[in-house]
Amino acid sequence: MSPTPQTGLIALFARHPTAANLLLILMFVAGFFALTQINRQFFPDFGIDVVTVYVDWPGASAADVDANIVQAIEPEVRFLDGVKKVTAASYEGIGSVRVEFLAGFNMQEALSSVESAVSQIRTFPEDAEEPDIHRVIR
């Protein structure tokens, strides 16, 4: 009985020892070419498309801040152009609303639209301070 010829990748490299060396050289050349073409950045470009609104109300409980400040701001900013997500938080004496916009949206326009939307609210408590509206910058 004669031995059956082996098939497969290892058998091919055993019969042709230079094929493995040629494959290794091909892999090195392809890796070097890929290395020269890859996009490298130490600090990648990305924008933070967020506008925050803070309203201080000294002495108020978190429930009062939520009911009188946060619940008034949220509907005004939720449906502005380019809004991706609105997140609100109420703490004792302060309410904050974080408005996240879609990537690439004009943030100057976003900031002005949030400012105009918040300035239209007339139901803030009398002793609450003026809203602090600013764009988050990295």
N, C-alpha and C. Protein backbone atom coordinates (compact mmCIF):
# COMPACT_ATOMS: atom_id res chain seq x y z
N MET A 1 0.83 -1.15 0.00
CA MET A 1 0.00 0.00 0.00
C MET A 1 0.90 1.24 0.00
N SER A 2 0.63 2.15 -0.92
CA SER A 2 1.46 3.35 -1.02
C SER A 2 0.83 4.47 -0.18
N PRO A 3 1.71 5.30 0.37
CA PRO A 3 1.17 6.39 1.20
C PRO A 3 0.39 7.38 0.34
N THR A 4 -0.69 7.91 0.90
CA THR A 4 -1.50 8.89 0.16
C THR A 4 -0.81 10.25 0.22
N PRO A 5 -0.82 10.94 -0.88
CA PRO A 5 -0.19 12.26 -0.88
C PRO A 5 -0.97 13.22 0.03
N GLN A 6 -0.23 13.97 0.83
CA GLN A 6 -0.83 14.93 1.75
C GLN A 6 -1.26 16.17 0.98
N THR A 7 -2.40 16.69 1.32
CA THR A 7 -2.88 17.94 0.73
C THR A 7 -3.09 18.94 1.85
N GLY A 8 -3.02 20.17 1.52
CA GLY A 8 -3.22 21.21 2.51
C GLY A 8 -2.09 22.22 2.45
N LEU A 9 -2.21 23.25 3.24
CA LEU A 9 -1.26 24.34 3.22
C LEU A 9 0.09 23.92 3.77
N ILE A 10 0.11 23.16 4.84
CA ILE A 10 1.38 22.73 5.43
C ILE A 10 2.12 21.79 4.49
N ALA A 11 1.38 20.89 3.84
CA ALA A 11 2.01 19.98 2.89
C ALA A 11 2.59 20.74 1.70
N LEU A 12 1.89 21.79 1.26
CA LEU A 12 2.39 22.61 0.16
C LEU A 12 3.70 23.29 0.55
N PHE A 13 3.80 23.83 1.76
CA PHE A 13 5.02 24.49 2.20
C PHE A 13 6.13 23.48 2.46
N ALA A 14 5.78 22.24 2.82
CA ALA A 14 6.81 21.22 3.03
C ALA A 14 7.42 20.80 1.68
N ARG A 15 6.60 20.72 0.64
CA ARG A 15 7.10 20.34 -0.68
C ARG A 15 7.83 21.49 -1.37
N HIS A 16 7.43 22.74 -1.08
CA HIS A 16 8.03 23.92 -1.72
C HIS A 16 8.49 24.90 -0.62
N PRO A 17 9.71 24.72 -0.11
CA PRO A 17 10.15 25.55 1.02
C PRO A 17 10.28 27.04 0.69
N THR A 18 10.49 27.39 -0.55
CA THR A 18 10.61 28.82 -0.87
C THR A 18 9.25 29.52 -0.90
N ALA A 19 8.16 28.75 -1.01
CA ALA A 19 6.82 29.35 -1.03
C ALA A 19 6.52 30.05 0.29
N ALA A 20 6.93 29.46 1.41
CA ALA A 20 6.70 30.08 2.72
C ALA A 20 7.49 31.38 2.84
N ASN A 21 8.73 31.38 2.36
CA ASN A 21 9.54 32.60 2.41
C ASN A 21 8.94 33.70 1.52
N LEU A 22 8.47 33.32 0.34
CA LEU A 22 7.84 34.31 -0.54
C LEU A 22 6.57 34.88 0.09
N LEU A 23 5.78 34.04 0.76
CA LEU A 23 4.57 34.52 1.43
C LEU A 23 4.92 35.48 2.57
N LEU A 24 5.97 35.17 3.31
CA LEU A 24 6.41 36.03 4.40
C LEU A 24 6.87 37.39 3.86
N ILE A 25 7.63 37.39 2.77
CA ILE A 25 8.08 38.65 2.17
C ILE A 25 6.88 39.45 1.66
N LEU A 26 5.91 38.79 1.05
CA LEU A 26 4.71 39.45 0.57
C LEU A 26 3.93 40.09 1.73
N MET A 27 3.86 39.41 2.87
CA MET A 27 3.16 39.95 4.04
C MET A 27 3.89 41.18 4.59
N PHE A 28 5.23 41.15 4.61
CA PHE A 28 6.00 42.31 5.07
C PHE A 28 5.79 43.52 4.15
N VAL A 29 5.82 43.28 2.84
CA VAL A 29 5.63 44.37 1.88
C VAL A 29 4.22 44.96 2.02
N ALA A 30 3.20 44.12 2.13
CA ALA A 30 1.83 44.60 2.28
C ALA A 30 1.67 45.36 3.61
N GLY A 31 2.29 44.89 4.68
CA GLY A 31 2.23 45.57 5.96
C GLY A 31 2.91 46.92 5.93
N PHE A 32 4.06 47.01 5.28
CA PHE A 32 4.76 48.28 5.16
C PHE A 32 3.95 49.27 4.34
N PHE A 33 3.35 48.80 3.24
CA PHE A 33 2.51 49.67 2.42
C PHE A 33 1.31 50.17 3.21
N ALA A 34 0.68 49.28 3.97
CA ALA A 34 -0.48 49.69 4.79
C ALA A 34 -0.07 50.68 5.87
N LEU A 35 1.11 50.50 6.43
CA LEU A 35 1.60 51.41 7.47
C LEU A 35 1.81 52.82 6.93
N THR A 36 2.26 52.94 5.69
CA THR A 36 2.46 54.27 5.12
C THR A 36 1.15 54.93 4.73
N GLN A 37 0.09 54.16 4.53
CA GLN A 37 -1.19 54.71 4.09
C GLN A 37 -2.16 54.96 5.23
N ILE A 38 -1.89 54.50 6.43
CA ILE A 38 -2.84 54.61 7.54
C ILE A 38 -2.89 56.06 8.04
N ASN A 39 -4.07 56.48 8.45
CA ASN A 39 -4.26 57.83 8.97
C ASN A 39 -3.94 57.82 10.47
N ARG A 40 -2.95 58.62 10.88
CA ARG A 40 -2.53 58.66 12.27
C ARG A 40 -2.67 60.07 12.81
N GLN A 41 -3.26 60.19 14.00
CA GLN A 41 -3.36 61.47 14.68
C GLN A 41 -3.18 61.23 16.17
N PHE A 42 -2.42 62.09 16.81
CA PHE A 42 -2.24 61.96 18.25
C PHE A 42 -3.50 62.41 18.97
N PHE A 43 -4.05 63.55 18.56
CA PHE A 43 -5.32 64.01 19.08
C PHE A 43 -6.31 64.04 17.92
N PRO A 44 -7.24 63.09 17.86
CA PRO A 44 -8.17 63.04 16.74
C PRO A 44 -9.12 64.23 16.75
N ASP A 45 -9.59 64.60 15.56
CA ASP A 45 -10.53 65.70 15.43
C ASP A 45 -11.93 65.22 15.81
N PHE A 46 -12.51 65.87 16.79
CA PHE A 46 -13.90 65.62 17.12
C PHE A 46 -14.44 66.86 17.82
N GLY A 47 -15.70 67.08 17.63
CA GLY A 47 -16.32 68.25 18.24
C GLY A 47 -17.25 67.82 19.36
N ILE A 48 -17.41 68.70 20.30
CA ILE A 48 -18.37 68.47 21.37
C ILE A 48 -19.54 69.38 21.06
N ASP A 49 -20.62 68.79 20.64
CA ASP A 49 -21.78 69.54 20.19
C ASP A 49 -22.82 69.60 21.30
N VAL A 50 -22.48 70.31 22.38
CA VAL A 50 -23.34 70.36 23.56
C VAL A 50 -23.48 71.81 24.04
N VAL A 51 -24.71 72.17 24.40
CA VAL A 51 -25.01 73.45 25.03
C VAL A 51 -25.65 73.13 26.38
N THR A 52 -25.19 73.78 27.43
CA THR A 52 -25.75 73.54 28.76
C THR A 52 -26.46 74.79 29.27
N VAL A 53 -27.51 74.56 30.04
CA VAL A 53 -28.28 75.64 30.66
C VAL A 53 -28.31 75.36 32.15
N TYR A 54 -27.82 76.30 32.95
CA TYR A 54 -27.85 76.18 34.42
C TYR A 54 -28.70 77.33 34.96
N VAL A 55 -29.57 77.01 35.90
CA VAL A 55 -30.37 78.03 36.57
C VAL A 55 -30.24 77.81 38.07
N ASP A 56 -29.72 78.81 38.77
CA ASP A 56 -29.60 78.75 40.23
C ASP A 56 -30.89 79.27 40.85
N TRP A 57 -31.32 78.55 41.90
CA TRP A 57 -32.47 78.99 42.68
C TRP A 57 -32.13 78.71 44.14
N PRO A 58 -31.46 79.66 44.79
CA PRO A 58 -30.97 79.42 46.15
C PRO A 58 -32.09 79.07 47.11
N GLY A 59 -31.85 78.03 47.90
CA GLY A 59 -32.78 77.61 48.93
C GLY A 59 -33.91 76.70 48.47
N ALA A 60 -34.00 76.39 47.20
CA ALA A 60 -35.09 75.55 46.69
C ALA A 60 -34.70 74.08 46.77
N SER A 61 -35.70 73.25 46.98
CA SER A 61 -35.44 71.81 47.01
C SER A 61 -35.30 71.29 45.58
N ALA A 62 -34.79 70.08 45.44
CA ALA A 62 -34.61 69.49 44.11
C ALA A 62 -35.95 69.29 43.41
N ALA A 63 -36.99 68.95 44.18
CA ALA A 63 -38.32 68.76 43.59
C ALA A 63 -38.88 70.08 43.06
N ASP A 64 -38.67 71.17 43.82
CA ASP A 64 -39.14 72.48 43.36
C ASP A 64 -38.37 72.93 42.12
N VAL A 65 -37.07 72.70 42.10
CA VAL A 65 -36.26 73.07 40.94
C VAL A 65 -36.74 72.29 39.72
N ASP A 66 -37.02 71.00 39.90
CA ASP A 66 -37.48 70.19 38.78
C ASP A 66 -38.83 70.68 38.27
N ALA A 67 -39.75 70.94 39.17
CA ALA A 67 -41.10 71.32 38.76
C ALA A 67 -41.16 72.71 38.14
N ASN A 68 -40.39 73.66 38.65
CA ASN A 68 -40.52 75.05 38.21
C ASN A 68 -39.49 75.50 37.19
N ILE A 69 -38.35 74.85 37.14
CA ILE A 69 -37.28 75.30 36.23
C ILE A 69 -37.03 74.30 35.12
N VAL A 70 -36.68 73.07 35.50
CA VAL A 70 -36.30 72.06 34.50
C VAL A 70 -37.48 71.71 33.60
N GLN A 71 -38.67 71.55 34.19
CA GLN A 71 -39.84 71.21 33.39
C GLN A 71 -40.27 72.35 32.47
N ALA A 72 -39.84 73.56 32.76
CA ALA A 72 -40.13 74.68 31.87
C ALA A 72 -39.13 74.76 30.72
N ILE A 73 -37.88 74.39 30.98
CA ILE A 73 -36.84 74.50 29.95
C ILE A 73 -36.90 73.35 28.95
N GLU A 74 -37.10 72.14 29.45
CA GLU A 74 -37.03 70.95 28.58
C GLU A 74 -37.91 71.02 27.34
N PRO A 75 -39.20 71.32 27.44
CA PRO A 75 -40.02 71.35 26.21
C PRO A 75 -39.60 72.45 25.23
N GLU A 76 -39.03 73.53 25.74
CA GLU A 76 -38.62 74.62 24.86
C GLU A 76 -37.41 74.26 24.00
N VAL A 77 -36.49 73.45 24.53
CA VAL A 77 -35.27 73.13 23.79
C VAL A 77 -35.31 71.77 23.10
N ARG A 78 -36.25 70.93 23.48
CA ARG A 78 -36.28 69.56 22.94
C ARG A 78 -36.49 69.52 21.43
N PHE A 79 -37.28 70.42 20.88
CA PHE A 79 -37.64 70.33 19.46
C PHE A 79 -36.98 71.41 18.62
N LEU A 80 -35.86 71.92 19.08
CA LEU A 80 -35.08 72.85 18.26
C LEU A 80 -34.41 72.08 17.12
N ASP A 81 -34.03 72.78 16.07
CA ASP A 81 -33.38 72.14 14.93
C ASP A 81 -32.05 71.52 15.35
N GLY A 82 -31.81 70.29 14.95
CA GLY A 82 -30.54 69.62 15.18
C GLY A 82 -30.36 69.00 16.53
N VAL A 83 -31.37 69.00 17.39
CA VAL A 83 -31.22 68.43 18.73
C VAL A 83 -31.22 66.91 18.64
N LYS A 84 -30.21 66.31 19.24
CA LYS A 84 -30.09 64.86 19.26
C LYS A 84 -30.66 64.30 20.57
N LYS A 85 -30.29 64.93 21.70
CA LYS A 85 -30.72 64.40 22.99
C LYS A 85 -30.73 65.54 24.02
N VAL A 86 -31.70 65.49 24.92
CA VAL A 86 -31.79 66.46 26.01
C VAL A 86 -31.74 65.68 27.32
N THR A 87 -30.83 66.09 28.19
CA THR A 87 -30.68 65.46 29.49
C THR A 87 -30.81 66.54 30.56
N ALA A 88 -31.63 66.28 31.57
CA ALA A 88 -31.84 67.28 32.61
C ALA A 88 -31.56 66.66 33.98
N ALA A 89 -31.15 67.53 34.90
CA ALA A 89 -30.90 67.10 36.27
C ALA A 89 -31.32 68.22 37.21
N SER A 90 -31.89 67.82 38.33
CA SER A 90 -32.31 68.80 39.33
C SER A 90 -31.61 68.48 40.64
N TYR A 91 -31.02 69.50 41.22
CA TYR A 91 -30.34 69.38 42.50
C TYR A 91 -30.89 70.44 43.43
N GLU A 92 -30.51 70.36 44.66
CA GLU A 92 -30.95 71.37 45.61
C GLU A 92 -30.32 72.71 45.25
N GLY A 93 -31.14 73.65 44.83
CA GLY A 93 -30.67 74.99 44.51
C GLY A 93 -30.23 75.21 43.08
N ILE A 94 -30.19 74.17 42.26
CA ILE A 94 -29.74 74.37 40.87
C ILE A 94 -30.39 73.32 39.95
N GLY A 95 -30.71 73.78 38.76
CA GLY A 95 -31.21 72.89 37.72
C GLY A 95 -30.33 72.99 36.50
N SER A 96 -30.07 71.87 35.86
CA SER A 96 -29.23 71.89 34.66
C SER A 96 -29.90 71.09 33.55
N VAL A 97 -29.77 71.63 32.35
CA VAL A 97 -30.28 70.96 31.15
C VAL A 97 -29.14 70.92 30.15
N ARG A 98 -28.84 69.72 29.66
CA ARG A 98 -27.76 69.50 28.69
C ARG A 98 -28.40 69.16 27.36
N VAL A 99 -28.15 69.98 26.34
CA VAL A 99 -28.73 69.79 25.01
C VAL A 99 -27.62 69.36 24.07
N GLU A 100 -27.72 68.12 23.59
CA GLU A 100 -26.72 67.58 22.66
C GLU A 100 -27.25 67.69 21.24
N PHE A 101 -26.42 68.21 20.35
CA PHE A 101 -26.82 68.41 18.96
C PHE A 101 -26.19 67.37 18.06
N LEU A 102 -26.74 67.23 16.86
CA LEU A 102 -26.20 66.28 15.88
C LEU A 102 -24.80 66.70 15.48
N ALA A 103 -23.97 65.71 15.14
CA ALA A 103 -22.59 65.97 14.75
C ALA A 103 -22.55 66.85 13.50
N GLY A 104 -21.70 67.88 13.54
CA GLY A 104 -21.54 68.76 12.41
C GLY A 104 -22.53 69.91 12.36
N PHE A 105 -23.42 70.00 13.34
CA PHE A 105 -24.39 71.08 13.36
C PHE A 105 -23.68 72.39 13.71
N ASN A 106 -24.13 73.50 13.15
CA ASN A 106 -23.55 74.81 13.41
C ASN A 106 -23.81 75.18 14.88
N MET A 107 -22.75 75.18 15.69
CA MET A 107 -22.93 75.38 17.13
C MET A 107 -23.21 76.83 17.50
N GLN A 108 -22.81 77.79 16.68
CA GLN A 108 -23.19 79.18 16.96
C GLN A 108 -24.69 79.36 16.81
N GLU A 109 -25.24 78.74 15.78
CA GLU A 109 -26.68 78.77 15.57
C GLU A 109 -27.40 78.02 16.69
N ALA A 110 -26.83 76.90 17.11
CA ALA A 110 -27.43 76.12 18.19
C ALA A 110 -27.46 76.92 19.49
N LEU A 111 -26.35 77.57 19.81
CA LEU A 111 -26.27 78.37 21.02
C LEU A 111 -27.29 79.51 21.00
N SER A 112 -27.40 80.19 19.87
CA SER A 112 -28.35 81.30 19.80
C SER A 112 -29.80 80.81 19.85
N SER A 113 -30.08 79.65 19.27
CA SER A 113 -31.46 79.13 19.33
C SER A 113 -31.82 78.69 20.74
N VAL A 114 -30.88 78.12 21.48
CA VAL A 114 -31.15 77.75 22.88
C VAL A 114 -31.34 79.01 23.72
N GLU A 115 -30.50 80.02 23.49
CA GLU A 115 -30.64 81.27 24.24
C GLU A 115 -32.00 81.92 23.98
N SER A 116 -32.44 81.94 22.73
CA SER A 116 -33.73 82.56 22.43
C SER A 116 -34.89 81.73 22.99
N ALA A 117 -34.77 80.40 22.97
CA ALA A 117 -35.83 79.56 23.51
C ALA A 117 -35.95 79.74 25.02
N VAL A 118 -34.83 79.82 25.72
CA VAL A 118 -34.86 79.97 27.17
C VAL A 118 -35.31 81.38 27.55
N SER A 119 -34.95 82.37 26.75
CA SER A 119 -35.36 83.75 27.08
C SER A 119 -36.86 83.95 26.95
N GLN A 120 -37.56 83.10 26.23
CA GLN A 120 -39.01 83.21 26.08
C GLN A 120 -39.77 82.67 27.27
N ILE A 121 -39.09 81.96 28.17
CA ILE A 121 -39.75 81.37 29.33
C ILE A 121 -40.00 82.47 30.35
N ARG A 122 -41.24 82.63 30.75
CA ARG A 122 -41.62 83.67 31.72
C ARG A 122 -42.10 83.09 33.05
N THR A 123 -42.02 81.76 33.19
CA THR A 123 -42.57 81.13 34.39
C THR A 123 -41.53 80.79 35.44
N PHE A 124 -40.32 81.30 35.31
CA PHE A 124 -39.30 81.04 36.34
C PHE A 124 -39.72 81.73 37.64
N PRO A 125 -39.38 81.15 38.77
CA PRO A 125 -39.67 81.81 40.06
C PRO A 125 -38.95 83.15 40.16
N GLU A 126 -39.52 84.05 40.94
CA GLU A 126 -38.97 85.41 41.05
C GLU A 126 -37.57 85.43 41.64
N ASP A 127 -37.29 84.56 42.61
CA ASP A 127 -35.98 84.58 43.26
C ASP A 127 -34.96 83.68 42.57
N ALA A 128 -35.33 83.10 41.44
CA ALA A 128 -34.36 82.31 40.66
C ALA A 128 -33.45 83.27 39.89
N GLU A 129 -32.21 82.90 39.75
CA GLU A 129 -31.26 83.76 39.03
C GLU A 129 -31.41 83.59 37.52
N GLU A 130 -30.75 84.46 36.79
CA GLU A 130 -30.80 84.39 35.32
C GLU A 130 -30.15 83.09 34.84
N PRO A 131 -30.69 82.48 33.79
CA PRO A 131 -30.09 81.25 33.25
C PRO A 131 -28.67 81.49 32.72
N ASP A 132 -27.79 80.55 33.02
CA ASP A 132 -26.41 80.58 32.52
C ASP A 132 -26.35 79.59 31.34
N ILE A 133 -26.24 80.10 30.14
CA ILE A 133 -26.26 79.29 28.93
C ILE A 133 -24.90 79.39 28.27
N HIS A 134 -24.26 78.25 28.06
CA HIS A 134 -22.98 78.28 27.37
C HIS A 134 -22.75 76.98 26.62
N ARG A 135 -21.87 77.08 25.64
CA ARG A 135 -21.48 75.93 24.82
C ARG A 135 -20.31 75.24 25.48
N VAL A 136 -20.35 73.92 25.51
CA VAL A 136 -19.24 73.15 26.07
C VAL A 136 -18.13 73.10 25.03
N ILE A 137 -16.95 73.57 25.43
CA ILE A 137 -15.80 73.61 24.53
C ILE A 137 -14.69 72.77 25.13
N ARG A 138 -14.08 71.92 24.31
CA ARG A 138 -13.00 71.07 24.77
C ARG A 138 -11.77 71.90 25.02
